[in-house]
Protein backbone atom coordinates (compact mmCIF):
# COMPACT_ATOMS: atom_id res chain seq x y z
CA UNK A 1 11.13 26.51 -141.96
CA UNK A 2 8.74 28.33 -139.59
CA UNK A 3 10.32 30.54 -136.96
CA UNK A 4 9.13 30.06 -133.39
CA UNK A 5 8.59 33.44 -131.78
CA UNK A 6 8.33 34.38 -128.11
CA UNK A 7 4.66 35.17 -128.64
CA UNK A 8 4.03 31.66 -129.91
CA UNK A 9 5.87 30.21 -126.91
CA UNK A 10 3.81 32.34 -124.52
CA UNK A 11 0.53 31.37 -126.19
CA UNK A 12 1.35 27.66 -126.18
CA UNK A 13 2.47 27.83 -122.56
CA UNK A 14 -0.72 29.59 -121.46
CA UNK A 15 -2.82 27.09 -123.42
CA UNK A 16 -1.14 24.15 -121.71
CA UNK A 17 -1.32 25.80 -118.29
CA UNK A 18 -5.05 26.46 -118.70
CA UNK A 19 -5.62 22.89 -119.87
CA UNK A 20 -3.80 21.47 -116.86
CA UNK A 21 -5.60 23.86 -114.50
CA UNK A 22 -8.97 22.84 -116.01
CA UNK A 23 -8.26 19.13 -115.51
CA UNK A 24 -7.17 19.76 -111.92
CA UNK A 25 -10.32 21.83 -111.31
CA UNK A 26 -12.58 19.09 -112.71
CA UNK A 27 -11.03 16.52 -110.37
CA UNK A 28 -11.48 18.84 -107.39
CA UNK A 29 -15.14 19.50 -108.32
CA UNK A 30 -15.80 15.76 -108.52
CA UNK A 31 -14.19 15.29 -105.11
CA UNK A 32 -16.26 18.07 -103.55
CA UNK A 33 -19.60 16.86 -105.02
CA UNK A 34 -18.89 13.14 -104.82
CA UNK A 35 -20.16 12.71 -108.40
CA UNK A 36 -18.27 12.15 -111.60
CA UNK A 37 -21.11 13.66 -113.64
CA UNK A 38 -21.79 17.27 -112.66
CA UNK A 39 -22.89 18.59 -116.04
CA UNK A 40 -24.05 16.92 -119.27
CA UNK A 41 -20.74 17.50 -121.02
CA UNK A 42 -18.93 15.39 -118.42
CA UNK A 43 -20.53 12.23 -119.86
CA UNK A 44 -23.29 12.75 -122.47
CA UNK A 45 -24.14 9.04 -122.57
CA UNK A 46 -23.94 8.59 -118.79
CA UNK A 47 -26.23 11.56 -118.11
CA UNK A 48 -28.94 9.86 -120.23
CA UNK A 49 -28.81 6.73 -118.07
CA UNK A 50 -28.59 8.83 -114.91
CA UNK A 51 -31.78 10.75 -115.72
CA UNK A 52 -33.54 7.50 -116.58
CA UNK A 53 -32.54 5.92 -113.26
CA UNK A 54 -33.67 9.01 -111.35
CA UNK A 55 -37.08 8.94 -113.05
CA UNK A 56 -37.53 5.23 -112.32
CA UNK A 57 -36.48 5.75 -108.70
CA UNK A 58 -39.01 8.58 -108.29
CA UNK A 59 -41.79 6.36 -109.72
CA UNK A 60 -40.70 3.45 -107.56
CA UNK A 61 -40.78 5.60 -104.41
CA UNK A 62 -44.35 6.70 -105.24
CA UNK A 63 -45.40 3.07 -105.77
CA UNK A 64 -43.87 2.23 -102.37
CA UNK A 65 -45.95 5.01 -100.76
CA UNK A 66 -49.06 3.67 -102.50
CA UNK A 67 -48.29 0.16 -101.24
CA UNK A 68 -47.86 1.42 -97.67
CA UNK A 69 -51.19 3.27 -97.90
CA UNK A 70 -52.93 0.22 -99.38
CA UNK A 71 -51.62 -2.06 -96.62
CA UNK A 72 -52.78 0.42 -93.95
CA UNK A 73 -56.24 0.58 -95.57
CA UNK A 74 -56.51 -3.22 -95.77
CA UNK A 75 -55.32 -3.67 -92.18
CA UNK A 76 -57.94 -1.19 -90.98
CA UNK A 77 -60.64 -2.99 -92.99
CA UNK A 78 -59.57 -6.29 -91.48
CA UNK A 79 -59.75 -4.81 -87.97
CA UNK A 80 -63.28 -3.53 -88.59
CA UNK A 81 -64.38 -6.89 -89.98
CA UNK A 82 -62.87 -8.66 -87.00
CA UNK A 83 -64.90 -6.41 -84.70
CA UNK A 84 -68.02 -7.05 -86.77
CA UNK A 85 -67.46 -10.80 -86.49
CA UNK A 86 -67.08 -10.55 -82.72
CA UNK A 87 -70.34 -8.59 -82.47
CA UNK A 88 -72.18 -11.12 -84.63
CA UNK A 89 -70.84 -13.99 -82.53
CA UNK A 90 -72.23 -12.27 -79.45
CA UNK A 91 -75.56 -11.77 -81.22
CA UNK A 92 -75.61 -15.49 -81.97
CA UNK A 93 -74.88 -16.40 -78.35
CA UNK A 94 -77.70 -14.16 -77.16
CA UNK A 95 -80.10 -15.56 -79.79
CA UNK A 96 -79.31 -19.12 -78.72
CA UNK A 97 -79.80 -18.14 -75.09
CA UNK A 98 -83.13 -16.42 -75.83
CA UNK A 99 -84.57 -19.26 -77.93
CA UNK A 100 -84.28 -22.06 -75.35
CA UNK A 101 -87.81 -21.40 -74.02
CA UNK A 102 -86.89 -21.11 -70.34
CA UNK A 103 -86.43 -17.34 -70.17
CA UNK A 104 -89.05 -15.04 -68.63
CA UNK A 105 -90.02 -11.95 -70.59
CA UNK A 106 -87.80 -9.81 -68.37
CA UNK A 107 -84.77 -11.84 -69.46
CA UNK A 108 -85.80 -11.54 -73.10
CA UNK A 109 -86.11 -7.78 -72.63
CA UNK A 110 -82.57 -7.65 -71.24
CA UNK A 111 -81.30 -9.64 -74.22
CA UNK A 112 -83.18 -7.30 -76.53
CA UNK A 113 -81.52 -4.28 -74.89
CA UNK A 114 -78.07 -5.80 -75.35
CA UNK A 115 -78.77 -6.68 -78.97
CA UNK A 116 -79.88 -3.08 -79.47
CA UNK A 117 -76.50 -1.88 -78.20
CA UNK A 118 -74.73 -4.40 -80.42
CA UNK A 119 -76.71 -3.07 -83.38
CA UNK A 120 -75.55 0.46 -82.54
CA UNK A 121 -71.98 -0.85 -82.43
CA UNK A 122 -72.40 -2.38 -85.89
CA UNK A 123 -73.71 0.96 -87.21
CA UNK A 124 -70.57 2.65 -85.87
CA UNK A 125 -68.39 0.00 -87.52
CA UNK A 126 -70.27 0.31 -90.83
CA UNK A 127 -69.63 4.07 -90.77
CA UNK A 128 -65.92 3.70 -89.94
CA UNK A 129 -63.52 6.25 -91.44
CA UNK A 130 -59.84 5.87 -92.30
CA UNK A 131 -57.86 9.02 -93.04
CA UNK A 132 -61.14 10.93 -93.31
CA UNK A 133 -62.71 8.45 -95.76
CA UNK A 134 -65.67 6.12 -95.16
CA UNK A 135 -64.23 2.69 -95.90
CA UNK A 136 -67.51 0.91 -96.76
CA UNK A 137 -68.97 3.27 -99.35
CA UNK A 138 -66.92 2.56 -102.46
CA UNK A 139 -65.84 5.58 -104.48
CA UNK A 140 -68.24 7.83 -102.53
CA UNK A 141 -65.95 7.71 -99.53
CA UNK A 142 -66.90 11.24 -98.50
CA UNK A 143 -70.57 10.23 -97.99
CA UNK A 144 -71.73 8.47 -94.82
CA UNK A 145 -73.04 5.07 -95.98
CA UNK A 146 -75.44 4.30 -93.10
CA UNK A 147 -76.83 7.67 -92.06
CA UNK A 148 -79.59 6.49 -89.74
CA UNK A 149 -81.58 8.93 -87.58
CA UNK A 150 -81.04 8.94 -83.83
CA UNK A 151 -84.09 9.09 -81.58
CA UNK A 152 -84.58 11.26 -78.50
CA UNK A 153 -83.61 8.27 -76.34
CA UNK A 154 -80.23 8.08 -78.11
CA UNK A 155 -81.10 4.86 -79.94
CA UNK A 156 -80.32 4.53 -83.64
CA UNK A 157 -83.38 3.89 -85.82
CA UNK A 158 -82.45 1.34 -88.51
CA UNK A 159 -85.99 0.78 -89.76
CA UNK A 160 -85.07 2.33 -93.14
CA UNK A 161 -82.14 -0.06 -93.71
CA UNK A 162 -84.14 -1.73 -96.47
CA UNK A 163 -83.89 1.49 -98.50
CA UNK A 164 -80.12 1.95 -98.11
CA UNK A 165 -77.78 1.00 -100.92
CA UNK A 166 -74.06 1.66 -100.55
CA UNK A 167 -71.83 2.61 -103.46
CA UNK A 168 -70.25 -0.39 -105.20
CA UNK A 169 -67.43 1.55 -106.89
CA UNK A 170 -63.92 0.09 -106.75
CA UNK A 171 -60.94 2.02 -105.36
CA UNK A 172 -57.80 1.07 -107.28
CA UNK A 173 -54.28 1.59 -105.95
CA UNK A 174 -51.37 1.75 -108.40
CA UNK A 175 -48.73 -0.50 -106.87
CA UNK A 176 -46.51 -0.93 -109.91
CA UNK A 177 -46.17 -0.06 -113.57
CA UNK A 178 -49.46 -1.11 -115.21
CA UNK A 179 -50.43 -2.86 -111.95
CA UNK A 180 -53.55 -1.70 -110.07
CA UNK A 181 -55.23 -3.52 -107.21
CA UNK A 182 -58.74 -2.99 -105.77
CA UNK A 183 -58.42 -2.49 -102.02
CA UNK A 184 -61.86 -1.45 -100.79
CA UNK A 185 -64.75 -3.47 -99.37
CA UNK A 186 -68.30 -2.30 -99.92
CA UNK A 187 -70.91 -2.07 -97.20
CA UNK A 188 -73.18 -4.54 -98.98
CA UNK A 189 -70.44 -7.17 -98.87
CA UNK A 190 -70.18 -6.81 -95.09
CA UNK A 191 -73.66 -5.78 -93.94
CA UNK A 192 -75.66 -7.25 -96.81
CA UNK A 193 -77.86 -5.71 -99.49
CA UNK A 194 -81.40 -4.55 -98.80
CA UNK A 195 -82.78 -7.62 -100.58
CA UNK A 196 -80.83 -10.19 -98.56
CA UNK A 197 -82.56 -11.88 -95.65
CA UNK A 198 -79.35 -11.82 -93.64
CA UNK A 199 -78.84 -8.04 -93.96
CA UNK A 200 -77.43 -7.27 -90.51
CA UNK A 201 -79.64 -4.33 -89.58
CA UNK A 202 -82.86 -5.77 -91.00
CA UNK A 203 -82.13 -9.10 -89.30
CA UNK A 204 -81.38 -7.51 -85.91
CA UNK A 205 -84.59 -5.49 -86.09
CA UNK A 206 -86.50 -8.75 -86.72
CA UNK A 207 -84.77 -10.45 -83.78
CA UNK A 208 -85.65 -7.55 -81.48
CA UNK A 209 -89.30 -7.75 -82.56
CA UNK A 210 -89.32 -11.50 -81.97
CA UNK A 211 -87.87 -10.98 -78.50
CA UNK A 212 -90.60 -8.45 -77.72
CA UNK A 213 -93.35 -10.91 -78.72
CA UNK A 214 -91.60 -14.03 -77.37
CA UNK A 215 -91.76 -15.61 -80.84
CA UNK A 216 -89.13 -18.21 -80.00
CA UNK A 217 -89.63 -20.46 -83.03
CA UNK A 218 -89.01 -17.57 -85.41
CA UNK A 219 -86.07 -16.54 -83.23
CA UNK A 220 -84.50 -19.99 -83.64
CA UNK A 221 -84.89 -19.66 -87.39
CA UNK A 222 -82.70 -16.55 -87.35
CA UNK A 223 -79.68 -18.60 -86.28
CA UNK A 224 -79.20 -19.84 -89.85
CA UNK A 225 -79.28 -16.25 -91.11
CA UNK A 226 -76.75 -15.18 -88.47
CA UNK A 227 -74.45 -18.05 -89.45
CA UNK A 228 -74.75 -17.14 -93.13
CA UNK A 229 -73.80 -13.53 -92.45
CA UNK A 230 -70.84 -14.56 -90.27
CA UNK A 231 -69.62 -16.82 -93.10
CA UNK A 232 -69.88 -13.96 -95.57
CA UNK A 233 -67.88 -11.70 -93.25
CA UNK A 234 -65.21 -14.39 -92.93
CA UNK A 235 -65.14 -14.75 -96.72
CA UNK A 236 -64.55 -11.00 -97.09
CA UNK A 237 -61.77 -11.18 -94.48
CA UNK A 238 -60.09 -13.99 -96.43
CA UNK A 239 -60.20 -11.84 -99.58
CA UNK A 240 -58.61 -8.97 -97.67
CA UNK A 241 -55.93 -11.36 -96.44
CA UNK A 242 -55.20 -12.50 -100.00
CA UNK A 243 -54.95 -8.89 -101.19
CA UNK A 244 -52.66 -8.04 -98.30
CA UNK A 245 -50.37 -10.95 -99.12
CA UNK A 246 -50.12 -9.89 -102.75
CA UNK A 247 -49.41 -6.27 -101.87
CA UNK A 248 -46.77 -7.33 -99.37
CA UNK A 249 -45.09 -9.31 -102.16
CA UNK A 250 -45.22 -6.16 -104.28
CA UNK A 251 -43.71 -4.25 -101.37
CA UNK A 252 -40.75 -6.64 -101.29
CA UNK A 253 -40.35 -6.43 -105.05
CA UNK A 254 -40.39 -2.63 -105.01
CA UNK A 255 -37.80 -2.65 -102.23
CA UNK A 256 -35.51 -4.86 -104.33
CA UNK A 257 -36.03 -2.63 -107.36
CA UNK A 258 -35.15 0.43 -105.28
CA UNK A 259 -31.86 -1.19 -104.21
CA UNK A 260 -31.00 -2.20 -107.79
CA UNK A 261 -31.83 1.19 -109.29
CA UNK A 262 -29.88 2.99 -106.57
CA UNK A 263 -26.88 0.78 -107.26
CA UNK A 264 -27.07 1.44 -111.00
CA UNK A 265 -27.42 5.17 -110.40
CA UNK A 266 -24.42 5.08 -108.07
CA UNK A 267 -22.28 3.30 -110.64
CA UNK A 268 -23.24 5.89 -113.24
CA UNK A 269 -22.97 9.07 -111.14
CA UNK A 270 -20.83 8.51 -108.07
CA UNK A 271 -17.10 9.18 -108.14
CA UNK A 272 -14.38 6.76 -107.01
CA UNK A 273 -12.69 8.74 -104.21
CA UNK A 274 -9.53 6.63 -104.16
CA UNK A 275 -9.04 7.09 -107.89
CA UNK A 276 -9.95 10.79 -107.71
CA UNK A 277 -7.46 11.53 -104.94
CA UNK A 278 -4.70 9.87 -106.94
CA UNK A 279 -5.70 11.62 -110.16
CA UNK A 280 -6.05 15.01 -108.44
CA UNK A 281 -2.59 14.71 -106.90
CA UNK A 282 -1.04 13.76 -110.24
CA UNK A 283 -2.78 16.68 -111.99
CA UNK A 284 -1.68 19.06 -109.26
CA UNK A 285 1.94 17.91 -109.71
CA UNK A 286 1.64 18.27 -113.48
CA UNK A 287 0.26 21.79 -113.10
CA UNK A 288 3.02 22.83 -110.68
CA UNK A 289 5.66 21.31 -112.95
CA UNK A 290 4.27 23.17 -115.96
CA UNK A 291 4.37 26.43 -114.00
CA UNK A 292 7.96 25.80 -113.00
CA UNK A 293 9.02 24.83 -116.52
CA UNK A 294 7.21 27.82 -118.00
CA UNK A 295 8.98 30.21 -115.67
CA UNK A 296 12.30 28.95 -117.00
CA UNK A 297 11.34 28.88 -120.65
CA UNK A 298 9.77 32.33 -120.84
CA UNK A 299 12.40 34.83 -119.71
CA UNK A 300 10.92 37.62 -117.60
CA UNK A 301 12.61 40.66 -119.24
CA UNK A 302 14.64 42.07 -122.18
CA UNK A 303 17.75 42.21 -120.02
CA UNK A 304 18.03 38.41 -120.18
CA UNK A 305 18.50 38.68 -123.96
CA UNK A 306 21.35 41.24 -123.59
CA UNK A 307 23.57 39.17 -121.32
């Protein structure tokens, strides 16, 4: 039969006291941090899921930022196209007014001057920038797409519009895992290519020449070209609207995913305060009881053995 010595009693008591103190400390750490997993050893399986949820949340947050940027870009494009449509409608009104055959040359000159200003406005729209990027020059968004010279009289010379070709590259925005959407509109889609008869700048230059020479029959013929260009602008706007709708759906989906992932992460990491308070109080009582019992079991001096 093995004899139990005082040294063995002391060692066992200290071991149990340290174990109880460690459990009480772990509960207090969880209460102070609000998390039940504070180091990998707390829950080796749970920490794996926790890290996975954190990675997915980080990716999801970046996708949400991309979606917000894409919506802002599309909204700005839509605003510029709306302004372009308004300008073209005004050009049409002036062309109709000029082609009725009852205007003196002075009136035609006034119409020509206004169309010239409208052309300058369209040049400004075509060179619009959003966040420092030219929106109508594809992937070459740091290059001005319609860099026309300005004369001494302040008028923009668009006579070389036939030689201008904007970049047709596509800007893709990552709005989800393996999901990329093109969000840019090229200048040729809005203004027209150099080979199209309804290219805005080439067409306006023709109209201004026709107004100068009072060539009213040719001027009337431009109405069909104006209508064609307006229809193309509206078609581009409808495409932007469709893209915006899809991205807004992605925005809602990403928001739902963020809520779900946050909830899963919370279930894995976050501590239950009610349970922790109860457990911490029980462990504190156990620790105090073990201290009290140990003080009675382990006699403090040799005198107690000589009584």
